[in-house]
Amino acid sequence: MYQFIGEPIDVVVSFKGRKVEPVSFVWGNREYQVERVNLVHAERRGREKFYIFSVSDQANAFRLRFSTETMKWTLEEMATL
């Protein structure tokens, strides 16, 4: 089942060399552990640049967005696997 979420989240990241990878995030009152980073890409909207991380755990797939302008994370989408 697919859901659009569009809510702010808190994210813990790992810095590996020149790469940044989400390790876990909190949405609502629950912490989700990222087991796999499936895809990372960047996109622009005007002067604002976003990094989009498609990640998953054992039961769900998530689309996380990081804004370089506001330095904030958003959970954009969630799908049950």
C-alpha atoms as a PDB file:
ATOM      1  CA  MET A   1       0.000   0.000   0.000  1.00  0.00           C
ATOM      2  CA  TYR A   2       1.344   3.429  -1.014  1.00  0.00           C
ATOM      3  CA  GLN A   3       0.855   6.598   1.055  1.00  0.00           C
ATOM      4  CA  PHE A   4       1.856  10.210   0.492  1.00  0.00           C
ATOM      5  CA  ILE A   5       3.081  11.521   3.871  1.00  0.00           C
ATOM      6  CA  GLY A   6       4.738  14.957   3.473  1.00  0.00           C
ATOM      7  CA  GLU A   7       5.663  15.324   7.156  1.00  0.00           C
ATOM      8  CA  PRO A   8       8.861  16.552   8.851  1.00  0.00           C
ATOM      9  CA  ILE A   9      11.100  13.889  10.398  1.00  0.00           C
ATOM     10  CA  ASP A  10      14.288  13.662  12.447  1.00  0.00           C
ATOM     11  CA  VAL A  11      17.065  11.684  10.750  1.00  0.00           C
ATOM     12  CA  VAL A  12      20.332  10.176  11.980  1.00  0.00           C
ATOM     13  CA  VAL A  13      22.928  10.002   9.205  1.00  0.00           C
ATOM     14  CA  SER A  14      26.300   8.372   8.698  1.00  0.00           C
ATOM     15  CA  PHE A  15      29.156  10.080   6.889  1.00  0.00           C
ATOM     16  CA  LYS A  16      31.206   7.592   4.848  1.00  0.00           C
ATOM     17  CA  GLY A  17      33.932   9.357   2.922  1.00  0.00           C
ATOM     18  CA  ARG A  18      32.097  11.875   0.784  1.00  0.00           C
ATOM     19  CA  LYS A  19      28.753  10.077   1.105  1.00  0.00           C
ATOM     20  CA  VAL A  20      25.934  10.765   3.539  1.00  0.00           C
ATOM     21  CA  GLU A  21      23.510   7.937   4.283  1.00  0.00           C
ATOM     22  CA  PRO A  22      20.436   7.879   6.522  1.00  0.00           C
ATOM     23  CA  VAL A  23      20.798   5.333   9.333  1.00  0.00           C
ATOM     24  CA  SER A  24      17.457   5.825  11.085  1.00  0.00           C
ATOM     25  CA  PHE A  25      14.613   8.305  11.346  1.00  0.00           C
ATOM     26  CA  VAL A  26      11.786   9.148  13.710  1.00  0.00           C
ATOM     27  CA  TRP A  27       8.290   9.635  12.366  1.00  0.00           C
ATOM     28  CA  GLY A  28       5.501  10.113  14.858  1.00  0.00           C
ATOM     29  CA  ASN A  29       6.572   8.278  17.982  1.00  0.00           C
ATOM     30  CA  ARG A  30       8.343   5.459  16.140  1.00  0.00           C
ATOM     31  CA  GLU A  31      11.968   5.020  15.129  1.00  0.00           C
ATOM     32  CA  TYR A  32      12.658   3.289  11.811  1.00  0.00           C
ATOM     33  CA  GLN A  33      16.037   1.665  11.108  1.00  0.00           C
ATOM     34  CA  VAL A  34      17.217   2.070   7.517  1.00  0.00           C
ATOM     35  CA  GLU A  35      18.420  -1.309   6.311  1.00  0.00           C
ATOM     36  CA  ARG A  36      19.113  -0.360   2.711  1.00  0.00           C
ATOM     37  CA  VAL A  37      19.645   2.805   0.691  1.00  0.00           C
ATOM     38  CA  ASN A  38      18.148   1.899  -2.681  1.00  0.00           C
ATOM     39  CA  LEU A  39      18.662   5.133  -4.619  1.00  0.00           C
ATOM     40  CA  VAL A  40      19.947   8.668  -4.080  1.00  0.00           C
ATOM     41  CA  HIS A  41      19.430  11.571  -6.455  1.00  0.00           C
ATOM     42  CA  ALA A  42      19.287  15.360  -6.390  1.00  0.00           C
ATOM     43  CA  GLU A  43      16.717  17.748  -7.812  1.00  0.00           C
ATOM     44  CA  ARG A  44      16.236  21.504  -7.890  1.00  0.00           C
ATOM     45  CA  ARG A  45      13.208  23.712  -7.418  1.00  0.00           C
ATOM     46  CA  GLY A  46      14.385  27.210  -8.210  1.00  0.00           C
ATOM     47  CA  ARG A  47      17.540  27.837  -6.209  1.00  0.00           C
ATOM     48  CA  GLU A  48      16.679  25.202  -3.604  1.00  0.00           C
ATOM     49  CA  LYS A  49      18.416  21.832  -3.956  1.00  0.00           C
ATOM     50  CA  PHE A  50      16.983  18.630  -2.533  1.00  0.00           C
ATOM     51  CA  TYR A  51      18.594  15.251  -1.999  1.00  0.00           C
ATOM     52  CA  ILE A  52      16.130  12.387  -2.307  1.00  0.00           C
ATOM     53  CA  PHE A  53      16.878   9.084  -0.572  1.00  0.00           C
ATOM     54  CA  SER A  54      14.829   5.993  -1.406  1.00  0.00           C
ATOM     55  CA  VAL A  55      15.385   3.688   1.567  1.00  0.00           C
ATOM     56  CA  SER A  56      13.820   0.567   3.045  1.00  0.00           C
ATOM     57  CA  ASP A  57      13.540  -1.619   6.098  1.00  0.00           C
ATOM     58  CA  GLN A  58      12.200  -5.195   6.140  1.00  0.00           C
ATOM     59  CA  ALA A  59       8.556  -4.171   5.802  1.00  0.00           C
ATOM     60  CA  ASN A  60       8.438  -0.733   4.128  1.00  0.00           C
ATOM     61  CA  ALA A  61       9.972   1.499   1.481  1.00  0.00           C
ATOM     62  CA  PHE A  62      10.362   5.227   2.148  1.00  0.00           C
ATOM     63  CA  ARG A  63      11.238   8.357   0.197  1.00  0.00           C
ATOM     64  CA  LEU A  64      13.141  10.872   2.349  1.00  0.00           C
ATOM     65  CA  ARG A  65      13.885  14.415   1.158  1.00  0.00           C
ATOM     66  CA  PHE A  66      16.628  16.676   2.522  1.00  0.00           C
ATOM     67  CA  SER A  67      16.534  20.412   1.739  1.00  0.00           C
ATOM     68  CA  THR A  68      19.917  22.140   1.503  1.00  0.00           C
ATOM     69  CA  GLU A  69      18.165  25.504   1.906  1.00  0.00           C
ATOM     70  CA  THR A  70      16.329  24.772   5.168  1.00  0.00           C
ATOM     71  CA  MET A  71      18.515  21.841   6.348  1.00  0.00           C
ATOM     72  CA  LYS A  72      15.326  19.898   7.136  1.00  0.00           C
ATOM     73  CA  TRP A  73      14.156  16.381   6.351  1.00  0.00           C
ATOM     74  CA  THR A  74      10.721  15.342   5.086  1.00  0.00           C
ATOM     75  CA  LEU A  75       9.173  11.893   4.801  1.00  0.00           C
ATOM     76  CA  GLU A  76       7.552  12.203   1.393  1.00  0.00           C
ATOM     77  CA  GLU A  77       6.209   8.718   0.756  1.00  0.00           C
ATOM     78  CA  MET A  78       5.838   5.295   2.323  1.00  0.00           C
ATOM     79  CA  ALA A  79       4.943   1.968   0.740  1.00  0.00           C
ATOM     80  CA  THR A  80       4.359  -1.371   2.421  1.00  0.00           C
ATOM     81  CA  LEU A  81       6.408  -4.148   0.820  1.00  0.00           C
END
